[in-house]
Protein backbone atom coordinates (compact mmCIF):
# COMPACT_ATOMS: atom_id res chain seq x y z
CA MET A 1 15.91 -4.40 33.83
CA LEU A 2 16.78 -0.79 33.82
CA PRO A 3 19.05 1.08 36.32
CA SER A 4 16.05 2.71 37.78
CA GLN A 5 14.75 -0.53 38.76
CA LEU A 6 18.05 -1.31 41.02
CA GLN A 7 17.43 -2.22 44.56
CA SER A 8 19.86 -2.72 47.49
CA GLY A 9 19.28 -6.52 47.04
CA SER A 10 20.33 -6.48 43.46
CA PHE A 11 24.00 -7.04 44.25
CA THR A 12 23.95 -10.11 46.41
CA SER A 13 26.36 -12.11 44.10
CA TYR A 14 28.85 -9.51 44.63
CA PRO A 15 32.03 -10.01 46.88
CA PRO A 16 31.57 -8.34 50.48
CA LYS A 17 33.27 -4.90 49.75
CA ALA A 18 31.63 -4.56 46.41
CA ARG A 19 28.30 -5.38 47.62
CA LYS A 20 28.32 -2.84 50.36
CA LEU A 21 29.71 -0.06 47.78
CA ALA A 22 26.97 -0.81 45.33
CA SER A 23 24.21 -1.04 47.92
CA ASP A 24 25.46 2.51 49.46
CA ASN A 25 25.37 3.96 46.09
CA VAL A 26 22.27 2.48 44.74
CA SER A 27 20.34 5.72 44.74
CA LEU A 28 23.08 7.15 42.37
CA LEU A 29 23.30 4.11 40.33
CA ARG A 30 19.40 4.37 39.65
CA GLN A 31 19.69 7.78 38.14
CA LEU A 32 22.53 6.76 35.51
CA PRO A 33 21.60 5.35 31.93
CA LEU A 34 21.94 1.74 30.90
CA GLY A 35 24.59 2.82 28.25
CA PHE A 36 27.01 3.91 31.28
CA THR A 37 26.01 2.05 34.57
CA PRO A 38 27.51 -1.32 33.61
CA PHE A 39 30.70 0.33 33.17
CA LEU A 40 30.74 1.57 36.86
CA LEU A 41 29.54 -2.04 37.96
CA LYS A 42 32.23 -3.80 36.20
CA GLU A 43 34.74 -1.83 38.20
CA ILE A 44 32.77 -2.21 41.51
CA VAL A 45 32.07 -6.03 41.06
CA ASN A 46 35.92 -6.52 41.37
CA TYR A 47 36.37 -3.79 43.99
CA ASP A 48 37.60 -6.57 46.68
CA TRP A 49 40.55 -7.49 44.15
CA LYS A 50 41.55 -3.90 43.28
CA PHE A 51 44.60 -2.19 44.55
CA PRO A 52 44.21 0.82 46.89
CA ALA A 53 44.98 3.19 44.09
CA GLU A 54 42.11 1.76 42.04
CA GLN A 55 39.65 1.64 44.95
CA PHE A 56 40.55 5.40 45.53
CA GLU A 57 39.52 6.16 41.96
CA ILE A 58 36.23 4.26 42.22
CA ASP A 59 35.32 5.99 45.34
CA ARG A 60 36.23 9.26 43.98
CA GLN A 61 34.34 8.70 40.86
CA LEU A 62 31.07 7.77 42.61
CA THR A 63 31.58 10.82 44.72
CA TYR A 64 31.97 12.99 41.63
CA LEU A 65 29.03 11.74 40.06
CA ASP A 66 26.76 11.94 43.19
CA THR A 67 27.80 15.50 44.04
CA LEU A 68 27.21 16.91 40.60
CA PRO A 69 24.14 19.13 40.53
CA ALA A 70 21.19 16.98 38.97
CA GLU A 71 20.89 19.07 35.70
CA THR A 72 24.66 18.88 35.45
CA ARG A 73 24.83 15.11 35.82
CA ARG A 74 21.80 14.85 33.23
CA GLN A 75 23.93 16.68 30.75
CA GLU A 76 26.94 14.54 31.69
CA MET A 77 25.17 11.45 31.04
CA ALA A 78 23.05 12.53 27.95
CA PRO A 79 25.19 11.08 25.31
CA PHE A 80 25.03 7.60 26.98
CA ALA A 81 21.33 7.94 27.60
CA ASP A 82 20.95 8.74 23.99
CA LEU A 83 22.42 5.58 22.61
CA ARG A 84 20.14 3.13 20.75
CA LEU A 85 20.07 -0.15 22.64
CA THR A 86 18.37 -3.46 21.74
CA PRO A 87 15.96 -5.20 23.93
CA ALA A 88 18.36 -8.15 24.14
CA LEU A 89 20.93 -5.70 25.78
CA GLU A 90 18.31 -4.27 28.17
CA ASN A 91 17.13 -7.96 29.07
CA SER A 92 20.53 -9.10 29.73
CA ASP A 93 21.92 -9.86 33.26
CA TRP A 94 24.15 -6.73 33.19
CA VAL A 95 24.07 -6.30 36.94
CA ASN A 96 25.65 -9.60 37.69
CA GLU A 97 27.55 -10.09 34.36
CA PRO A 98 28.54 -6.38 33.43
CA GLY A 99 31.62 -7.68 31.48
CA GLY A 100 29.53 -9.76 29.31
CA PHE A 101 27.06 -6.96 28.66
CA LEU A 102 29.97 -4.65 27.81
CA GLU A 103 31.21 -7.22 25.18
CA GLN A 104 27.76 -7.21 23.57
CA LEU A 105 27.46 -3.54 23.93
CA SER A 106 30.64 -2.96 21.92
CA ALA A 107 29.60 -5.20 18.97
CA HIS A 108 26.04 -3.53 19.04
CA LEU A 109 27.84 0.11 18.74
CA TRP A 110 30.09 -0.99 16.05
CA ALA A 111 27.13 -2.57 13.98
CA SER A 112 24.97 0.45 14.56
CA ASN A 113 27.60 2.92 13.63
CA GLN A 114 27.48 4.53 17.21
CA MET A 115 30.93 3.79 18.36
CA ASP A 116 32.55 7.19 17.30
CA ALA A 117 30.00 9.13 19.13
CA PHE A 118 30.33 6.63 22.28
CA ARG A 119 34.20 6.95 22.19
CA ALA A 120 34.01 10.79 22.21
CA ALA A 121 31.47 10.83 25.08
CA SER A 122 33.54 8.49 27.06
CA GLU A 123 36.73 10.62 26.60
CA ALA A 124 35.13 13.70 27.62
CA TYR A 125 33.50 12.16 30.71
CA VAL A 126 37.04 10.63 31.67
CA ASN A 127 38.66 14.12 31.09
CA ARG A 128 36.15 16.01 33.16
CA PHE A 129 36.26 13.45 35.96
CA HIS A 130 40.23 13.59 36.12
CA ALA A 131 40.31 17.28 36.04
CA SER A 132 38.23 17.37 39.26
CA LEU A 133 40.52 14.55 40.89
CA THR A 134 42.94 15.63 43.60
CA VAL A 135 45.65 12.96 43.92
CA PRO A 136 47.18 12.19 47.35
CA LYS A 137 50.97 13.54 47.60
CA LEU A 138 53.61 10.87 47.10
CA PRO A 139 55.61 9.90 50.16
CA ALA A 140 58.49 9.75 48.03
CA PRO A 141 59.67 10.45 44.32
CA ARG A 142 59.05 7.32 42.17
CA LEU A 143 62.00 5.32 41.32
CA GLY A 144 62.24 2.57 38.40
CA ILE A 145 64.90 0.15 37.80
CA ALA A 146 65.32 -2.12 34.81
CA LEU A 147 67.71 -5.00 34.59
CA ILE A 148 68.34 -6.28 31.21
CA GLY A 149 70.62 -8.87 29.40
CA HIS A 150 71.07 -11.55 32.12
CA GLY A 151 73.12 -14.38 30.63
CA VAL A 152 74.59 -12.36 27.74
CA GLY A 153 78.13 -12.47 27.04
CA GLU A 154 79.63 -10.38 24.13
CA ASN A 155 77.13 -7.75 23.01
CA ARG A 156 77.17 -5.63 19.54
CA TYR A 157 73.66 -4.29 19.89
CA ASN A 158 73.48 -0.61 20.54
CA LEU A 159 71.67 -0.30 23.78
CA PHE A 160 69.51 2.43 25.11
CA ARG A 161 68.77 4.07 21.85
CA LYS A 162 65.44 5.40 22.93
CA LEU A 163 66.69 6.65 26.29
CA ARG A 164 70.00 8.11 25.69
CA HIS A 165 68.68 11.67 24.82
CA GLU A 166 66.58 11.60 28.19
CA GLY A 167 69.55 11.26 30.68
CA VAL A 168 73.15 10.11 31.02
CA TYR A 169 74.76 7.02 29.47
CA PHE A 170 77.31 5.59 31.85
CA LYS A 171 79.91 3.53 30.12
CA ASN A 172 82.21 2.50 32.97
CA VAL A 173 79.83 0.80 35.55
CA LYS A 174 81.66 -1.77 37.90
CA PRO A 175 79.23 -4.74 37.73
CA ARG A 176 80.65 -6.54 40.87
CA GLU A 177 78.01 -6.73 43.86
CA SER A 178 75.68 -4.61 41.81
CA TRP A 179 72.90 -6.99 41.81
CA PRO A 180 72.94 -7.29 45.69
CA ALA A 181 73.11 -3.40 45.85
CA VAL A 182 69.96 -3.06 43.66
CA LEU A 183 68.06 -5.32 45.78
CA GLU A 184 69.14 -3.68 49.06
CA ILE A 185 68.21 -0.17 47.89
CA VAL A 186 64.84 -1.47 46.77
CA ARG A 187 64.38 -3.21 50.10
CA LYS A 188 65.32 -0.17 52.04
CA ARG A 189 62.71 2.00 50.18
CA ALA A 190 59.87 -0.45 50.83
CA GLU A 191 60.81 -0.36 54.54
CA ALA A 192 61.32 3.42 54.66
CA TYR A 193 57.88 4.19 52.88
CA PRO A 194 55.50 1.27 53.86
CA VAL A 195 52.87 2.04 51.25
CA PRO A 196 50.47 -0.97 50.56
CA TYR A 197 51.37 -2.29 47.07
CA GLY A 198 53.83 0.65 46.83
CA HIS A 199 57.01 -1.30 46.00
CA TRP A 200 57.32 -3.97 43.44
CA TYR A 201 59.97 -6.51 42.44
CA ILE A 202 59.06 -8.26 39.21
CA ASP A 203 61.45 -11.12 37.83
CA GLY A 204 61.46 -12.98 34.61
CA GLY A 205 62.98 -16.02 36.25
CA PRO A 206 63.17 -17.19 39.86
CA ALA A 207 62.92 -14.22 42.37
CA ALA A 208 65.54 -13.47 44.76
CA ASP A 209 65.11 -13.50 48.52
CA VAL A 210 64.24 -9.75 49.24
CA ARG A 211 63.66 -10.30 53.03
CA SER A 212 61.06 -7.85 53.18
CA ASP A 213 57.11 -8.37 53.49
CA ARG A 214 56.68 -4.67 52.19
CA LEU A 215 58.02 -5.42 48.72
CA THR A 216 55.57 -7.02 46.53
CA CYS A 217 57.14 -9.80 44.56
CA ILE A 218 56.05 -11.69 41.36
CA SER A 219 58.14 -13.84 39.01
CA TYR A 220 57.66 -15.94 35.86
CA GLN A 221 59.03 -18.97 37.42
CA SER A 222 56.59 -18.95 40.51
CA LEU A 223 53.76 -18.98 38.01
CA SER A 224 55.25 -22.00 35.93
CA HIS A 225 52.22 -24.27 37.21
CA GLY A 226 49.59 -21.77 36.59
CA ARG A 227 51.17 -21.08 33.10
CA ALA A 228 51.23 -24.75 32.36
CA VAL A 229 47.65 -25.23 33.36
CA LEU A 230 46.48 -22.33 31.21
CA ALA A 231 48.71 -23.53 28.30
CA GLY A 232 46.72 -26.89 28.32
CA LYS A 233 43.47 -24.89 28.19
CA MET A 234 44.57 -22.60 25.43
CA GLN A 235 46.02 -25.53 23.19
CA ARG A 236 42.61 -27.41 23.53
CA ALA A 237 40.92 -24.24 22.57
CA TYR A 238 43.13 -23.84 19.60
CA GLU A 239 42.46 -27.51 18.49
CA SER A 240 38.85 -27.31 18.90
CA PRO A 241 36.76 -27.09 15.70
CA ALA A 242 34.88 -24.13 17.08
CA PHE A 243 37.92 -22.04 17.93
CA GLY A 244 37.74 -18.49 17.24
CA ALA A 245 39.60 -15.30 18.68
CA GLU A 246 36.39 -14.16 20.53
CA ALA A 247 35.68 -17.65 22.17
CA LEU A 248 39.09 -17.71 23.17
CA ARG A 249 38.98 -14.29 24.91
CA SER A 250 35.74 -15.12 26.48
CA LEU A 251 37.19 -18.40 27.85
CA LEU A 252 40.09 -16.54 29.33
CA ALA A 253 37.99 -13.58 30.91
CA ARG A 254 35.94 -16.14 32.74
CA LEU A 255 38.91 -18.07 34.41
CA ARG A 256 39.46 -17.62 38.26
CA PRO A 257 42.63 -18.35 40.25
CA GLU A 258 41.44 -21.67 41.22
CA ASP A 259 40.84 -22.65 37.56
CA LEU A 260 44.70 -22.27 37.07
CA GLU A 261 45.35 -23.90 40.43
CA MET A 262 46.98 -20.65 41.69
CA GLU A 263 45.01 -20.56 45.06
CA GLN A 264 47.27 -21.30 47.99
CA GLN A 265 46.32 -21.04 51.53
CA GLY A 266 47.13 -17.62 53.18
CA ALA A 267 47.86 -16.17 49.64
CA ASP A 268 46.95 -12.73 49.08
CA PRO A 269 43.85 -12.59 46.94
CA VAL A 270 44.33 -9.37 45.53
CA LEU A 271 47.79 -10.51 44.06
CA ASN A 272 46.30 -13.86 43.05
CA ARG A 273 43.73 -12.02 40.84
CA PHE A 274 46.35 -9.61 39.58
CA GLN A 275 48.67 -12.38 38.61
CA LEU A 276 45.88 -14.10 36.81
CA SER A 277 45.10 -11.09 34.82
CA LEU A 278 48.67 -10.94 33.69
CA LEU A 279 48.37 -14.50 32.06
CA THR A 280 44.90 -14.21 30.73
CA GLU A 281 44.87 -10.46 29.56
CA GLY A 282 48.52 -10.02 28.31
CA SER A 283 49.55 -11.41 24.85
CA GLY A 284 52.56 -13.66 25.21
CA THR A 285 52.85 -13.39 28.80
CA GLN A 286 52.15 -17.17 29.11
CA ILE A 287 55.16 -18.00 26.86
CA TYR A 288 57.85 -15.28 26.76
CA SER A 289 59.48 -14.16 30.02
CA THR A 290 60.39 -10.71 28.66
CA THR A 291 56.74 -10.04 27.51
CA PHE A 292 55.56 -11.23 31.05
CA VAL A 293 57.97 -8.71 32.78
CA GLN A 294 57.10 -5.92 30.43
CA TRP A 295 53.32 -6.28 30.69
CA ALA A 296 53.47 -6.92 34.45
CA ALA A 297 55.46 -3.52 34.79
CA ARG A 298 52.84 -1.80 32.68
CA GLU A 299 49.98 -3.08 34.65
CA VAL A 300 51.62 -2.43 38.13
CA TYR A 301 52.31 1.24 36.87
CA ARG A 302 48.69 1.60 35.62
CA ARG A 303 46.86 -0.23 38.36
CA ALA A 304 49.00 -0.02 41.68
CA GLN A 305 50.64 3.19 40.75
CA PRO A 306 53.71 2.31 42.98
CA ILE A 307 56.62 4.66 43.95
CA THR A 308 59.26 1.81 43.39
CA VAL A 309 59.30 -0.90 40.63
CA LEU A 310 62.32 -3.24 40.04
CA ALA A 311 61.83 -5.20 36.78
CA ARG A 312 64.52 -7.66 36.06
CA PHE A 313 64.34 -9.20 32.42
CA GLN A 314 65.48 -12.70 32.01
CA PRO A 315 66.15 -14.76 28.74
CA ARG A 316 63.07 -15.92 26.84
CA VAL A 317 62.46 -19.08 24.81
CA ARG A 318 63.31 -18.98 21.16
CA GLU A 319 60.39 -18.17 18.86
CA ARG A 320 58.64 -21.31 17.31
CA PRO A 321 55.10 -22.36 16.22
CA MET A 322 52.35 -21.79 18.57
CA ASN A 323 51.59 -25.34 19.41
CA GLU A 324 55.36 -25.78 20.24
CA LEU A 325 55.55 -22.86 22.43
CA LEU A 326 52.54 -23.85 24.38
CA GLU A 327 53.93 -27.43 24.85
CA GLY A 328 57.31 -25.76 25.73
CA ILE A 329 55.84 -24.16 28.78
CA ARG A 330 55.83 -27.75 30.43
CA GLN A 331 59.31 -28.55 29.12
CA ASN A 332 62.79 -27.02 29.30
CA ALA A 333 62.81 -24.99 26.17
CA GLU A 334 65.94 -23.34 24.40
CA THR A 335 66.57 -19.67 25.43
CA ASP A 336 67.57 -16.90 23.28
CA PRO A 337 69.73 -14.50 25.45
CA HIS A 338 70.79 -12.15 22.66
CA GLY A 339 67.18 -11.76 21.35
CA SER A 340 65.95 -11.18 24.84
CA LEU A 341 68.46 -8.39 25.34
CA ILE A 342 66.88 -6.54 22.41
CA ASP A 343 63.36 -7.23 23.77
CA ALA A 344 64.24 -6.08 27.21
CA ASP A 345 66.11 -2.93 25.96
CA MET A 346 62.77 -1.88 24.32
CA GLY A 347 60.69 -3.35 27.27
CA ALA A 348 62.83 -1.08 29.65
CA TYR A 349 61.87 1.86 27.34
CA TYR A 350 58.20 1.14 27.42
CA THR A 351 58.47 0.62 31.31
CA TRP A 352 59.87 4.22 31.57
CA LEU A 353 57.21 5.66 29.42
CA ASN A 354 54.48 4.12 31.86
CA GLN A 355 56.11 5.55 34.82
CA GLN A 356 56.05 8.94 32.97
CA ARG A 357 52.27 8.69 32.68
CA LEU A 358 51.75 8.97 36.38
CA HIS A 359 51.61 12.08 38.36
CA GLY A 360 54.88 13.13 39.87
CA ALA A 361 56.56 12.10 36.54
CA ASP A 362 58.78 15.39 36.61
CA GLN A 363 60.48 14.12 39.81
CA SER A 364 60.61 10.45 38.90
CA ALA A 365 63.78 8.55 38.25
CA PHE A 366 64.67 5.62 36.26
CA LEU A 367 67.95 3.45 35.66
CA VAL A 368 68.33 0.58 33.23
CA TRP A 369 71.54 -1.44 33.73
CA PHE A 370 72.95 -4.22 31.44
CA GLU A 371 73.42 -6.91 33.92
CA GLU A 372 76.83 -8.01 34.67
CA HIS A 373 78.23 -5.50 32.44
CA SER A 374 79.47 -1.84 32.34
CA GLU A 375 76.74 -0.03 30.71
CA ALA A 376 73.64 1.78 32.12
CA ILE A 377 71.45 4.67 31.63
CA ALA A 378 70.04 6.99 34.15
CA VAL A 379 67.20 9.42 33.83
CA GLY A 380 66.26 11.91 36.55
CA PRO A 381 65.28 15.41 37.39
CA THR A 382 68.97 16.39 38.56
CA LEU A 383 70.66 14.60 35.61
CA PRO A 384 71.75 16.17 32.42
CA ARG A 385 70.00 15.05 29.28
CA GLY A 386 71.72 13.29 26.59
CA THR A 387 75.20 13.09 27.84
CA VAL A 388 77.75 10.28 28.30
CA GLU A 389 79.91 9.62 31.30
CA SER A 390 83.15 7.73 31.03
CA ALA A 391 84.38 7.88 34.52
CA GLU A 392 84.18 4.75 36.70
CA THR A 393 81.23 4.34 39.05
CA ASP A 394 79.15 1.81 40.71
CA LEU A 395 75.42 1.11 40.59
CA ALA A 396 75.02 1.72 44.46
CA SER A 397 76.32 5.41 43.94
CA LEU A 398 74.12 5.82 41.06
CA LEU A 399 70.92 4.59 42.68
CA HIS A 400 71.57 6.68 45.70
CA LYS A 401 71.81 9.61 43.85
CA LEU A 402 68.50 8.77 42.09
CA ALA A 403 66.67 7.42 45.34
């Protein structure tokens, strides 16, 4: 089947919103080449579980393609139309299984030495599309907060080395009542700017009570049952004679929330799917709480594009052989607070980088606090770069300046 043969009824297996979107744009999809259409369908088929920022981009991409003059669109799609595809690819069920098609396409492009040309065409297309995109104005500047080092006593590690030249290093922060102050400021921002999925609290342990329905919360501990179920599936895959990296990746890609017993009555299906993706697409998110927080923050910024993110790193388990780590998910494993502090320090830096990739970065603010201690680093448009502040302060005052 080729895109030119698509009908409105071709999308009956799609979820409701995705089915309507694909059917409404079937005339456009018919005009696109097979080397491109499944990429759009892979996003459309998951439309019902996308965040508003992602849905906005899909909608705008369809509009962008539809409003191009016919000759301009033909030229835009020419590199994808010129790809040499096999009959097996053309005869695969790329409408209902676009993800599987793209895996086969990737292997074929590598094998036929077409990957470099494909990448160049893809980058050129994405750049042109993004250049045409007008993003909505933010209701408030972005604020990111990372808490690191929970449970660490004495520390000799030189913290914030990657961020010190970007902002102000505070040496004398009063730790008392700082954690409640952080929660309160995040809660107030969520209430003041009620943007769907615009405010996030990510915790590497049990989540605190935030008393706000407008703050999206995920935690490593709340996913303990799903992680244990997934660990069992992964362990059986590792022990299988047919084990291979591609087979494991395909297994994880096919999982649904119900497969990990993550479905709960009244639960948010968008959030359920997102949490599933954190466990099945991230490397180490099933085992290490620090990795879970770092990857979750990365994906939140990339996909939801929020204006507030609070990422609280907690101690992870000590490194051990993979089989022991997978088994340790279902047991009380020994933690490594000092090693976790080093992980979290770098994780906080990566979180800041991910915030900087979004529009409005020049007005964004970011704060990292060594929890229960007196050290913090703050980066923002009104703060001097590469400076040190020795005067006593408290976290609430710092956050009010940034927020």
